[in-house]
Amino acid sequence: MATLDPKQMGDHIKRARTKKEWSQDALAQRVGVTQQTIHDWESGAHSPRLTHLTAISNALDVSLDELVYGEIDAAARRDRELAEVVTAMNDLKERVERLGGEP
C-alpha cells in the first residue's frame, strides 16, 4: 500500500480549489473549518481527516481518489460515474418496490 504524502495531498486539494477559482476562505466556509486549516492542509503541515476529505470532495465536486492521489484517468472517472448511476438506479428501484409499484 502506498504511503500518503501530506504535501502531495495538499497540492491536489489546492489544484482542485484553484480550478474552481475559490479562495482558501471560500473553501473553509463550505467545509466548516478555518482558512488557516485549509492553508495547513494545502501546505502539507497537516492532513485532513476522512470526514473533512469527504466534505472537501463534495464541495469541490471531485472524487476522494483525486484529492488523495491526484488526477485519475478518463476510464476510471467513467467507471466511477457509471457506478454512481447504477447505485442511484438500484436505490430508486428499491423505493418503488417499497411503495408497492412495479420496478
PDB file of N, CA and C in Angstrom:
ATOM      1  N   MET A   1       0.848  -1.185   0.000  1.00  0.00           N
ATOM      2  CA  MET A   1       0.000   0.000   0.000  1.00  0.00           C
ATOM      3  C   MET A   1       0.890   1.243   0.000  1.00  0.00           C
ATOM      4  N   ALA A   2       0.546   2.211  -0.827  1.00  0.00           N
ATOM      5  CA  ALA A   2       1.344   3.422  -0.945  1.00  0.00           C
ATOM      6  C   ALA A   2       1.150   4.309   0.278  1.00  0.00           C
ATOM      7  N   THR A   3       2.216   4.984   0.663  1.00  0.00           N
ATOM      8  CA  THR A   3       2.155   5.928   1.765  1.00  0.00           C
ATOM      9  C   THR A   3       1.574   7.240   1.265  1.00  0.00           C
ATOM     10  N   LEU A   4       0.677   7.805   2.034  1.00  0.00           N
ATOM     11  CA  LEU A   4       0.081   9.078   1.656  1.00  0.00           C
ATOM     12  C   LEU A   4       1.026  10.201   2.030  1.00  0.00           C
ATOM     13  N   ASP A   5       1.331  11.050   1.081  1.00  0.00           N
ATOM     14  CA  ASP A   5       2.207  12.184   1.292  1.00  0.00           C
ATOM     15  C   ASP A   5       1.335  13.417   1.541  1.00  0.00           C
ATOM     16  N   PRO A   6       1.371  13.989   2.757  1.00  0.00           N
ATOM     17  CA  PRO A   6       0.527  15.149   3.060  1.00  0.00           C
ATOM     18  C   PRO A   6       0.752  16.324   2.108  1.00  0.00           C
ATOM     19  N   LYS A   7       1.985  16.530   1.686  1.00  0.00           N
ATOM     20  CA  LYS A   7       2.272  17.645   0.780  1.00  0.00           C
ATOM     21  C   LYS A   7       1.620  17.411  -0.582  1.00  0.00           C
ATOM     22  N   GLN A   8       1.705  16.182  -1.104  1.00  0.00           N
ATOM     23  CA  GLN A   8       1.064  15.888  -2.387  1.00  0.00           C
ATOM     24  C   GLN A   8      -0.449  16.020  -2.286  1.00  0.00           C
ATOM     25  N   MET A   9      -1.019  15.514  -1.184  1.00  0.00           N
ATOM     26  CA  MET A   9      -2.456  15.643  -0.987  1.00  0.00           C
ATOM     27  C   MET A   9      -2.835  17.120  -0.923  1.00  0.00           C
ATOM     28  N   GLY A  10      -2.038  17.905  -0.226  1.00  0.00           N
ATOM     29  CA  GLY A  10      -2.287  19.343  -0.152  1.00  0.00           C
ATOM     30  C   GLY A  10      -2.250  19.998  -1.522  1.00  0.00           C
ATOM     31  N   ASP A  11      -1.299  19.577  -2.344  1.00  0.00           N
ATOM     32  CA  ASP A  11      -1.217  20.100  -3.715  1.00  0.00           C
ATOM     33  C   ASP A  11      -2.470  19.749  -4.509  1.00  0.00           C
ATOM     34  N   HIS A  12      -2.989  18.535  -4.308  1.00  0.00           N
ATOM     35  CA  HIS A  12      -4.193  18.112  -5.030  1.00  0.00           C
ATOM     36  C   HIS A  12      -5.403  18.925  -4.580  1.00  0.00           C
ATOM     37  N   ILE A  13      -5.490  19.171  -3.279  1.00  0.00           N
ATOM     38  CA  ILE A  13      -6.592  19.986  -2.754  1.00  0.00           C
ATOM     39  C   ILE A  13      -6.497  21.395  -3.337  1.00  0.00           C
ATOM     40  N   LYS A  14      -5.298  21.950  -3.324  1.00  0.00           N
ATOM     41  CA  LYS A  14      -5.107  23.313  -3.844  1.00  0.00           C
ATOM     42  C   LYS A  14      -5.453  23.377  -5.326  1.00  0.00           C
ATOM     43  N   ARG A  15      -5.024  22.386  -6.094  1.00  0.00           N
ATOM     44  CA  ARG A  15      -5.315  22.368  -7.534  1.00  0.00           C
ATOM     45  C   ARG A  15      -6.823  22.354  -7.780  1.00  0.00           C
ATOM     46  N   ALA A  16      -7.540  21.511  -7.037  1.00  0.00           N
ATOM     47  CA  ALA A  16      -8.997  21.427  -7.210  1.00  0.00           C
ATOM     48  C   ALA A  16      -9.663  22.738  -6.780  1.00  0.00           C
ATOM     49  N   ARG A  17      -9.162  23.343  -5.713  1.00  0.00           N
ATOM     50  CA  ARG A  17      -9.735  24.605  -5.227  1.00  0.00           C
ATOM     51  C   ARG A  17      -9.499  25.734  -6.220  1.00  0.00           C
ATOM     52  N   THR A  18      -8.279  25.849  -6.715  1.00  0.00           N
ATOM     53  CA  THR A  18      -7.975  26.943  -7.640  1.00  0.00           C
ATOM     54  C   THR A  18      -8.659  26.742  -8.989  1.00  0.00           C
ATOM     55  N   LYS A  19      -8.926  25.494  -9.351  1.00  0.00           N
ATOM     56  CA  LYS A  19      -9.659  25.225 -10.583  1.00  0.00           C
ATOM     57  C   LYS A  19     -11.061  25.825 -10.497  1.00  0.00           C
ATOM     58  N   LYS A  20     -11.631  25.821  -9.293  1.00  0.00           N
ATOM     59  CA  LYS A  20     -12.951  26.427  -9.055  1.00  0.00           C
ATOM     60  C   LYS A  20     -12.836  27.945  -8.872  1.00  0.00           C
ATOM     61  N   GLU A  21     -11.596  28.436  -8.822  1.00  0.00           N
ATOM     62  CA  GLU A  21     -11.314  29.858  -8.582  1.00  0.00           C
ATOM     63  C   GLU A  21     -11.838  30.317  -7.223  1.00  0.00           C
ATOM     64  N   TRP A  22     -11.688  29.440  -6.223  1.00  0.00           N
ATOM     65  CA  TRP A  22     -12.094  29.744  -4.863  1.00  0.00           C
ATOM     66  C   TRP A  22     -10.876  30.127  -4.040  1.00  0.00           C
ATOM     67  N   SER A  23     -11.082  31.002  -3.089  1.00  0.00           N
ATOM     68  CA  SER A  23     -10.043  31.317  -2.112  1.00  0.00           C
ATOM     69  C   SER A  23     -10.023  30.216  -1.052  1.00  0.00           C
ATOM     70  N   GLN A  24      -8.973  30.220  -0.250  1.00  0.00           N
ATOM     71  CA  GLN A  24      -8.931  29.275   0.869  1.00  0.00           C
ATOM     72  C   GLN A  24     -10.105  29.533   1.805  1.00  0.00           C
ATOM     73  N   ASP A  25     -10.430  30.791   2.008  1.00  0.00           N
ATOM     74  CA  ASP A  25     -11.533  31.137   2.900  1.00  0.00           C
ATOM     75  C   ASP A  25     -12.875  30.623   2.361  1.00  0.00           C
ATOM     76  N   ALA A  26     -13.072  30.707   1.049  1.00  0.00           N
ATOM     77  CA  ALA A  26     -14.322  30.220   0.452  1.00  0.00           C
ATOM     78  C   ALA A  26     -14.472  28.715   0.677  1.00  0.00           C
ATOM     79  N   LEU A  27     -13.393  27.970   0.481  1.00  0.00           N
ATOM     80  CA  LEU A  27     -13.446  26.529   0.727  1.00  0.00           C
ATOM     81  C   LEU A  27     -13.648  26.250   2.216  1.00  0.00           C
ATOM     82  N   ALA A  28     -12.959  26.988   3.053  1.00  0.00           N
ATOM     83  CA  ALA A  28     -13.077  26.798   4.500  1.00  0.00           C
ATOM     84  C   ALA A  28     -14.522  26.956   4.959  1.00  0.00           C
ATOM     85  N   GLN A  29     -15.216  27.962   4.438  1.00  0.00           N
ATOM     86  CA  GLN A  29     -16.614  28.193   4.819  1.00  0.00           C
ATOM     87  C   GLN A  29     -17.489  27.017   4.404  1.00  0.00           C
ATOM     88  N   ARG A  30     -17.227  26.460   3.235  1.00  0.00           N
ATOM     89  CA  ARG A  30     -18.039  25.345   2.750  1.00  0.00           C
ATOM     90  C   ARG A  30     -17.753  24.048   3.509  1.00  0.00           C
ATOM     91  N   VAL A  31     -16.526  23.904   4.005  1.00  0.00           N
ATOM     92  CA  VAL A  31     -16.124  22.679   4.702  1.00  0.00           C
ATOM     93  C   VAL A  31     -16.381  22.790   6.202  1.00  0.00           C
ATOM     94  N   GLY A  32     -16.474  24.022   6.719  1.00  0.00           N
ATOM     95  CA  GLY A  32     -16.721  24.228   8.145  1.00  0.00           C
ATOM     96  C   GLY A  32     -15.460  24.258   8.982  1.00  0.00           C
ATOM     97  N   VAL A  33     -14.385  24.778   8.387  1.00  0.00           N
ATOM     98  CA  VAL A  33     -13.114  24.929   9.097  1.00  0.00           C
ATOM     99  C   VAL A  33     -12.609  26.351   8.876  1.00  0.00           C
ATOM    100  N   THR A  34     -11.458  26.659   9.437  1.00  0.00           N
ATOM    101  CA  THR A  34     -10.883  27.990   9.253  1.00  0.00           C
ATOM    102  C   THR A  34     -10.015  28.043   8.001  1.00  0.00           C
ATOM    103  N   GLN A  35      -9.752  29.255   7.554  1.00  0.00           N
ATOM    104  CA  GLN A  35      -8.854  29.451   6.416  1.00  0.00           C
ATOM    105  C   GLN A  35      -7.473  28.916   6.759  1.00  0.00           C
ATOM    106  N   GLN A  36      -7.045  29.071   8.001  1.00  0.00           N
ATOM    107  CA  GLN A  36      -5.733  28.579   8.421  1.00  0.00           C
ATOM    108  C   GLN A  36      -5.652  27.056   8.292  1.00  0.00           C
ATOM    109  N   THR A  37      -6.750  26.374   8.592  1.00  0.00           N
ATOM    110  CA  THR A  37      -6.776  24.913   8.449  1.00  0.00           C
ATOM    111  C   THR A  37      -6.588  24.519   6.992  1.00  0.00           C
ATOM    112  N   ILE A  38      -7.276  25.221   6.084  1.00  0.00           N
ATOM    113  CA  ILE A  38      -7.097  24.940   4.651  1.00  0.00           C
ATOM    114  C   ILE A  38      -5.643  25.178   4.265  1.00  0.00           C
ATOM    115  N   HIS A  39      -5.068  26.267   4.744  1.00  0.00           N
ATOM    116  CA  HIS A  39      -3.661  26.563   4.462  1.00  0.00           C
ATOM    117  C   HIS A  39      -2.761  25.432   4.961  1.00  0.00           C
ATOM    118  N   ASP A  40      -3.008  24.967   6.176  1.00  0.00           N
ATOM    119  CA  ASP A  40      -2.193  23.885   6.747  1.00  0.00           C
ATOM    120  C   ASP A  40      -2.306  22.605   5.923  1.00  0.00           C
ATOM    121  N   TRP A  41      -3.510  22.283   5.455  1.00  0.00           N
ATOM    122  CA  TRP A  41      -3.688  21.097   4.621  1.00  0.00           C
ATOM    123  C   TRP A  41      -2.960  21.253   3.301  1.00  0.00           C
ATOM    124  N   GLU A  42      -3.130  22.412   2.667  1.00  0.00           N
ATOM    125  CA  GLU A  42      -2.524  22.618   1.351  1.00  0.00           C
ATOM    126  C   GLU A  42      -1.001  22.669   1.414  1.00  0.00           C
ATOM    127  N   SER A  43      -0.462  23.125   2.526  1.00  0.00           N
ATOM    128  CA  SER A  43       0.998  23.205   2.668  1.00  0.00           C
ATOM    129  C   SER A  43       1.603  21.869   3.089  1.00  0.00           C
ATOM    130  N   GLY A  44       0.743  20.926   3.498  1.00  0.00           N
ATOM    131  CA  GLY A  44       1.232  19.631   3.942  1.00  0.00           C
ATOM    132  C   GLY A  44       1.613  19.597   5.413  1.00  0.00           C
ATOM    133  N   ALA A  45       1.335  20.680   6.129  1.00  0.00           N
ATOM    134  CA  ALA A  45       1.643  20.717   7.563  1.00  0.00           C
ATOM    135  C   ALA A  45       0.785  19.715   8.329  1.00  0.00           C
ATOM    136  N   HIS A  46      -0.434  19.537   7.879  1.00  0.00           N
ATOM    137  CA  HIS A  46      -1.372  18.582   8.479  1.00  0.00           C
ATOM    138  C   HIS A  46      -2.176  17.939   7.358  1.00  0.00           C
ATOM    139  N   SER A  47      -2.719  16.765   7.637  1.00  0.00           N
ATOM    140  CA  SER A  47      -3.605  16.098   6.681  1.00  0.00           C
ATOM    141  C   SER A  47      -5.031  16.157   7.200  1.00  0.00           C
ATOM    142  N   PRO A  48      -5.994  16.384   6.307  1.00  0.00           N
ATOM    143  CA  PRO A  48      -7.388  16.390   6.756  1.00  0.00           C
ATOM    144  C   PRO A  48      -7.860  14.999   7.146  1.00  0.00           C
ATOM    145  N   ARG A  49      -8.782  14.946   8.091  1.00  0.00           N
ATOM    146  CA  ARG A  49      -9.417  13.685   8.464  1.00  0.00           C
ATOM    147  C   ARG A  49     -10.360  13.267   7.347  1.00  0.00           C
ATOM    148  N   LEU A  50     -10.768  12.019   7.379  1.00  0.00           N
ATOM    149  CA  LEU A  50     -11.645  11.495   6.337  1.00  0.00           C
ATOM    150  C   LEU A  50     -12.938  12.301   6.236  1.00  0.00           C
ATOM    151  N   THR A  51     -13.517  12.687   7.357  1.00  0.00           N
ATOM    152  CA  THR A  51     -14.759  13.465   7.306  1.00  0.00           C
ATOM    153  C   THR A  51     -14.536  14.791   6.581  1.00  0.00           C
ATOM    154  N   HIS A  52     -13.382  15.406   6.807  1.00  0.00           N
ATOM    155  CA  HIS A  52     -13.080  16.652   6.099  1.00  0.00           C
ATOM    156  C   HIS A  52     -12.769  16.403   4.630  1.00  0.00           C
ATOM    157  N   LEU A  53     -12.062  15.303   4.337  1.00  0.00           N
ATOM    158  CA  LEU A  53     -11.796  14.966   2.936  1.00  0.00           C
ATOM    159  C   LEU A  53     -13.107  14.779   2.176  1.00  0.00           C
ATOM    160  N   THR A  54     -14.062  14.124   2.807  1.00  0.00           N
ATOM    161  CA  THR A  54     -15.362  13.931   2.180  1.00  0.00           C
ATOM    162  C   THR A  54     -16.048  15.270   1.930  1.00  0.00           C
ATOM    163  N   ALA A  55     -15.991  16.168   2.907  1.00  0.00           N
ATOM    164  CA  ALA A  55     -16.597  17.497   2.746  1.00  0.00           C
ATOM    165  C   ALA A  55     -15.900  18.282   1.638  1.00  0.00           C
ATOM    166  N   ILE A  56     -14.567  18.190   1.574  1.00  0.00           N
ATOM    167  CA  ILE A  56     -13.808  18.869   0.521  1.00  0.00           C
ATOM    168  C   ILE A  56     -14.194  18.297  -0.837  1.00  0.00           C
ATOM    169  N   SER A  57     -14.247  16.970  -0.916  1.00  0.00           N
ATOM    170  CA  SER A  57     -14.612  16.287  -2.154  1.00  0.00           C
ATOM    171  C   SER A  57     -15.976  16.749  -2.644  1.00  0.00           C
ATOM    172  N   ASN A  58     -16.941  16.801  -1.751  1.00  0.00           N
ATOM    173  CA  ASN A  58     -18.291  17.238  -2.120  1.00  0.00           C
ATOM    174  C   ASN A  58     -18.308  18.705  -2.535  1.00  0.00           C
ATOM    175  N   ALA A  59     -17.627  19.548  -1.782  1.00  0.00           N
ATOM    176  CA  ALA A  59     -17.615  20.980  -2.081  1.00  0.00           C
ATOM    177  C   ALA A  59     -16.973  21.260  -3.434  1.00  0.00           C
ATOM    178  N   LEU A  60     -15.873  20.580  -3.714  1.00  0.00           N
ATOM    179  CA  LEU A  60     -15.124  20.837  -4.947  1.00  0.00           C
ATOM    180  C   LEU A  60     -15.579  19.969  -6.117  1.00  0.00           C
ATOM    181  N   ASP A  61     -16.504  19.050  -5.848  1.00  0.00           N
ATOM    182  CA  ASP A  61     -17.032  18.151  -6.870  1.00  0.00           C
ATOM    183  C   ASP A  61     -15.922  17.342  -7.545  1.00  0.00           C
ATOM    184  N   VAL A  62     -15.073  16.746  -6.704  1.00  0.00           N
ATOM    185  CA  VAL A  62     -14.025  15.843  -7.172  1.00  0.00           C
ATOM    186  C   VAL A  62     -14.075  14.583  -6.315  1.00  0.00           C
ATOM    187  N   SER A  63     -13.502  13.508  -6.813  1.00  0.00           N
ATOM    188  CA  SER A  63     -13.514  12.258  -6.057  1.00  0.00           C
ATOM    189  C   SER A  63     -12.456  12.284  -4.947  1.00  0.00           C
ATOM    190  N   LEU A  64     -12.645  11.407  -3.974  1.00  0.00           N
ATOM    191  CA  LEU A  64     -11.629  11.253  -2.932  1.00  0.00           C
ATOM    192  C   LEU A  64     -10.307  10.815  -3.541  1.00  0.00           C
ATOM    193  N   ASP A  65     -10.368   9.941  -4.549  1.00  0.00           N
ATOM    194  CA  ASP A  65      -9.148   9.496  -5.231  1.00  0.00           C
ATOM    195  C   ASP A  65      -8.381  10.683  -5.807  1.00  0.00           C
ATOM    196  N   GLU A  66      -9.099  11.618  -6.404  1.00  0.00           N
ATOM    197  CA  GLU A  66      -8.436  12.788  -6.980  1.00  0.00           C
ATOM    198  C   GLU A  66      -7.770  13.632  -5.905  1.00  0.00           C
ATOM    199  N   LEU A  67      -8.430  13.779  -4.754  1.00  0.00           N
ATOM    200  CA  LEU A  67      -7.839  14.570  -3.677  1.00  0.00           C
ATOM    201  C   LEU A  67      -6.612  13.893  -3.089  1.00  0.00           C
ATOM    202  N   VAL A  68      -6.697  12.594  -2.906  1.00  0.00           N
ATOM    203  CA  VAL A  68      -5.618  11.874  -2.243  1.00  0.00           C
ATOM    204  C   VAL A  68      -4.471  11.555  -3.198  1.00  0.00           C
ATOM    205  N   TYR A  69      -4.821  11.079  -4.393  1.00  0.00           N
ATOM    206  CA  TYR A  69      -3.793  10.576  -5.311  1.00  0.00           C
ATOM    207  C   TYR A  69      -3.531  11.470  -6.518  1.00  0.00           C
ATOM    208  N   GLY A  70      -4.366  12.442  -6.766  1.00  0.00           N
ATOM    209  CA  GLY A  70      -4.203  13.299  -7.932  1.00  0.00           C
ATOM    210  C   GLY A  70      -5.190  12.924  -9.010  1.00  0.00           C
ATOM    211  N   GLU A  71      -4.997  13.468 -10.173  1.00  0.00           N
ATOM    212  CA  GLU A  71      -5.906  13.219 -11.295  1.00  0.00           C
ATOM    213  C   GLU A  71      -5.990  11.724 -11.597  1.00  0.00           C
ATOM    214  N   ILE A  72      -7.192  11.287 -11.905  1.00  0.00           N
ATOM    215  CA  ILE A  72      -7.380   9.909 -12.328  1.00  0.00           C
ATOM    216  C   ILE A  72      -7.701   9.921 -13.819  1.00  0.00           C
ATOM    217  N   ASP A  73      -7.458   8.831 -14.473  1.00  0.00           N
ATOM    218  CA  ASP A  73      -7.657   8.824 -15.920  1.00  0.00           C
ATOM    219  C   ASP A  73      -9.142   8.789 -16.281  1.00  0.00           C
ATOM    220  N   ALA A  74      -9.412   9.075 -17.537  1.00  0.00           N
ATOM    221  CA  ALA A  74     -10.787   9.186 -18.007  1.00  0.00           C
ATOM    222  C   ALA A  74     -11.562   7.881 -17.826  1.00  0.00           C
ATOM    223  N   ALA A  75     -10.927   6.744 -18.039  1.00  0.00           N
ATOM    224  CA  ALA A  75     -11.613   5.455 -17.886  1.00  0.00           C
ATOM    225  C   ALA A  75     -12.037   5.237 -16.435  1.00  0.00           C
ATOM    226  N   ALA A  76     -11.168   5.570 -15.513  1.00  0.00           N
ATOM    227  CA  ALA A  76     -11.508   5.418 -14.096  1.00  0.00           C
ATOM    228  C   ALA A  76     -12.643   6.365 -13.713  1.00  0.00           C
ATOM    229  N   ARG A  77     -12.623   7.575 -14.262  1.00  0.00           N
ATOM    230  CA  ARG A  77     -13.692   8.538 -13.986  1.00  0.00           C
ATOM    231  C   ARG A  77     -15.030   8.004 -14.524  1.00  0.00           C
ATOM    232  N   ARG A  78     -15.021   7.456 -15.742  1.00  0.00           N
ATOM    233  CA  ARG A  78     -16.253   6.898 -16.316  1.00  0.00           C
ATOM    234  C   ARG A  78     -16.751   5.731 -15.474  1.00  0.00           C
ATOM    235  N   ASP A  79     -15.843   4.877 -15.016  1.00  0.00           N
ATOM    236  CA  ASP A  79     -16.227   3.746 -14.178  1.00  0.00           C
ATOM    237  C   ASP A  79     -16.880   4.226 -12.887  1.00  0.00           C
ATOM    238  N   ARG A  80     -16.297   5.254 -12.284  1.00  0.00           N
ATOM    239  CA  ARG A  80     -16.847   5.802 -11.038  1.00  0.00           C
ATOM    240  C   ARG A  80     -18.226   6.394 -11.288  1.00  0.00           C
ATOM    241  N   GLU A  81     -18.377   7.155 -12.368  1.00  0.00           N
ATOM    242  CA  GLU A  81     -19.658   7.766 -12.679  1.00  0.00           C
ATOM    243  C   GLU A  81     -20.712   6.712 -12.996  1.00  0.00           C
ATOM    244  N   LEU A  82     -20.320   5.666 -13.713  1.00  0.00           N
ATOM    245  CA  LEU A  82     -21.244   4.584 -14.018  1.00  0.00           C
ATOM    246  C   LEU A  82     -21.689   3.878 -12.735  1.00  0.00           C
ATOM    247  N   ALA A  83     -20.761   3.655 -11.836  1.00  0.00           N
ATOM    248  CA  ALA A  83     -21.102   3.017 -10.563  1.00  0.00           C
ATOM    249  C   ALA A  83     -22.086   3.883  -9.777  1.00  0.00           C
ATOM    250  N   GLU A  84     -21.921   5.196  -9.824  1.00  0.00           N
ATOM    251  CA  GLU A  84     -22.843   6.102  -9.132  1.00  0.00           C
ATOM    252  C   GLU A  84     -24.242   6.025  -9.750  1.00  0.00           C
ATOM    253  N   VAL A  85     -24.318   5.943 -11.081  1.00  0.00           N
ATOM    254  CA  VAL A  85     -25.609   5.839 -11.760  1.00  0.00           C
ATOM    255  C   VAL A  85     -26.288   4.520 -11.403  1.00  0.00           C
ATOM    256  N   VAL A  86     -25.546   3.430 -11.420  1.00  0.00           N
ATOM    257  CA  VAL A  86     -26.107   2.120 -11.080  1.00  0.00           C
ATOM    258  C   VAL A  86     -26.626   2.126  -9.647  1.00  0.00           C
ATOM    259  N   THR A  87     -25.872   2.703  -8.731  1.00  0.00           N
ATOM    260  CA  THR A  87     -26.309   2.790  -7.332  1.00  0.00           C
ATOM    261  C   THR A  87     -27.596   3.599  -7.221  1.00  0.00           C
ATOM    262  N   ALA A  88     -27.659   4.721  -7.911  1.00  0.00           N
ATOM    263  CA  ALA A  88     -28.863   5.552  -7.874  1.00  0.00           C
ATOM    264  C   ALA A  88     -30.060   4.812  -8.448  1.00  0.00           C
ATOM    265  N   MET A  89     -29.864   4.076  -9.530  1.00  0.00           N
ATOM    266  CA  MET A  89     -30.961   3.312 -10.132  1.00  0.00           C
ATOM    267  C   MET A  89     -31.436   2.203  -9.195  1.00  0.00           C
ATOM    268  N   ASN A  90     -30.509   1.528  -8.542  1.00  0.00           N
ATOM    269  CA  ASN A  90     -30.889   0.485  -7.589  1.00  0.00           C
ATOM    270  C   ASN A  90     -31.654   1.069  -6.414  1.00  0.00           C
ATOM    271  N   ASP A  91     -31.216   2.230  -5.928  1.00  0.00           N
ATOM    272  CA  ASP A  91     -31.928   2.894  -4.839  1.00  0.00           C
ATOM    273  C   ASP A  91     -33.349   3.255  -5.256  1.00  0.00           C
ATOM    274  N   LEU A  92     -33.493   3.776  -6.458  1.00  0.00           N
ATOM    275  CA  LEU A  92     -34.811   4.146  -6.965  1.00  0.00           C
ATOM    276  C   LEU A  92     -35.704   2.909  -7.109  1.00  0.00           C
ATOM    277  N   LYS A  93     -35.141   1.829  -7.618  1.00  0.00           N
ATOM    278  CA  LYS A  93     -35.899   0.582  -7.773  1.00  0.00           C
ATOM    279  C   LYS A  93     -36.410   0.105  -6.416  1.00  0.00           C
ATOM    280  N   GLU A  94     -35.552   0.144  -5.394  1.00  0.00           N
ATOM    281  CA  GLU A  94     -35.961  -0.277  -4.050  1.00  0.00           C
ATOM    282  C   GLU A  94     -37.076   0.606  -3.508  1.00  0.00           C
ATOM    283  N   ARG A  95     -37.011   1.893  -3.748  1.00  0.00           N
ATOM    284  CA  ARG A  95     -38.057   2.800  -3.278  1.00  0.00           C
ATOM    285  C   ARG A  95     -39.397   2.491  -3.947  1.00  0.00           C
ATOM    286  N   VAL A  96     -39.352   2.253  -5.254  1.00  0.00           N
ATOM    287  CA  VAL A  96     -40.572   1.927  -5.981  1.00  0.00           C
ATOM    288  C   VAL A  96     -41.157   0.620  -5.450  1.00  0.00           C
ATOM    289  N   GLU A  97     -40.321  -0.371  -5.222  1.00  0.00           N
ATOM    290  CA  GLU A  97     -40.793  -1.651  -4.705  1.00  0.00           C
ATOM    291  C   GLU A  97     -41.401  -1.497  -3.320  1.00  0.00           C
ATOM    292  N   ARG A  98     -40.809  -0.651  -2.476  1.00  0.00           N
ATOM    293  CA  ARG A  98     -41.362  -0.425  -1.134  1.00  0.00           C
ATOM    294  C   ARG A  98     -42.730   0.246  -1.194  1.00  0.00           C
ATOM    295  N   LEU A  99     -42.942   1.025  -2.224  1.00  0.00           N
ATOM    296  CA  LEU A  99     -44.236   1.691  -2.380  1.00  0.00           C
ATOM    297  C   LEU A  99     -45.282   0.772  -3.021  1.00  0.00           C
ATOM    298  N   GLY A 100     -44.852  -0.446  -3.369  1.00  0.00           N
ATOM    299  CA  GLY A 100     -45.768  -1.423  -3.929  1.00  0.00           C
ATOM    300  C   GLY A 100     -45.916  -1.332  -5.434  1.00  0.00           C
ATOM    301  N   GLY A 101     -45.058  -0.619  -6.063  1.00  0.00           N
ATOM    302  CA  GLY A 101     -45.121  -0.493  -7.512  1.00  0.00           C
ATOM    303  C   GLY A 101     -44.232  -1.496  -8.199  1.00  0.00           C
ATOM    304  N   GLU A 102     -44.382  -1.581  -9.482  1.00  0.00           N
ATOM    305  CA  GLU A 102     -43.531  -2.454 -10.288  1.00  0.00           C
ATOM    306  C   GLU A 102     -42.240  -1.703 -10.613  1.00  0.00           C
ATOM    307  N   PRO A 103     -41.099  -2.399 -10.572  1.00  0.00           N
ATOM    308  CA  PRO A 103     -39.831  -1.730 -10.904  1.00  0.00           C
ATOM    309  C   PRO A 103     -39.745  -1.394 -12.375  1.00  0.00           C
TER     310      PRO A 103
END
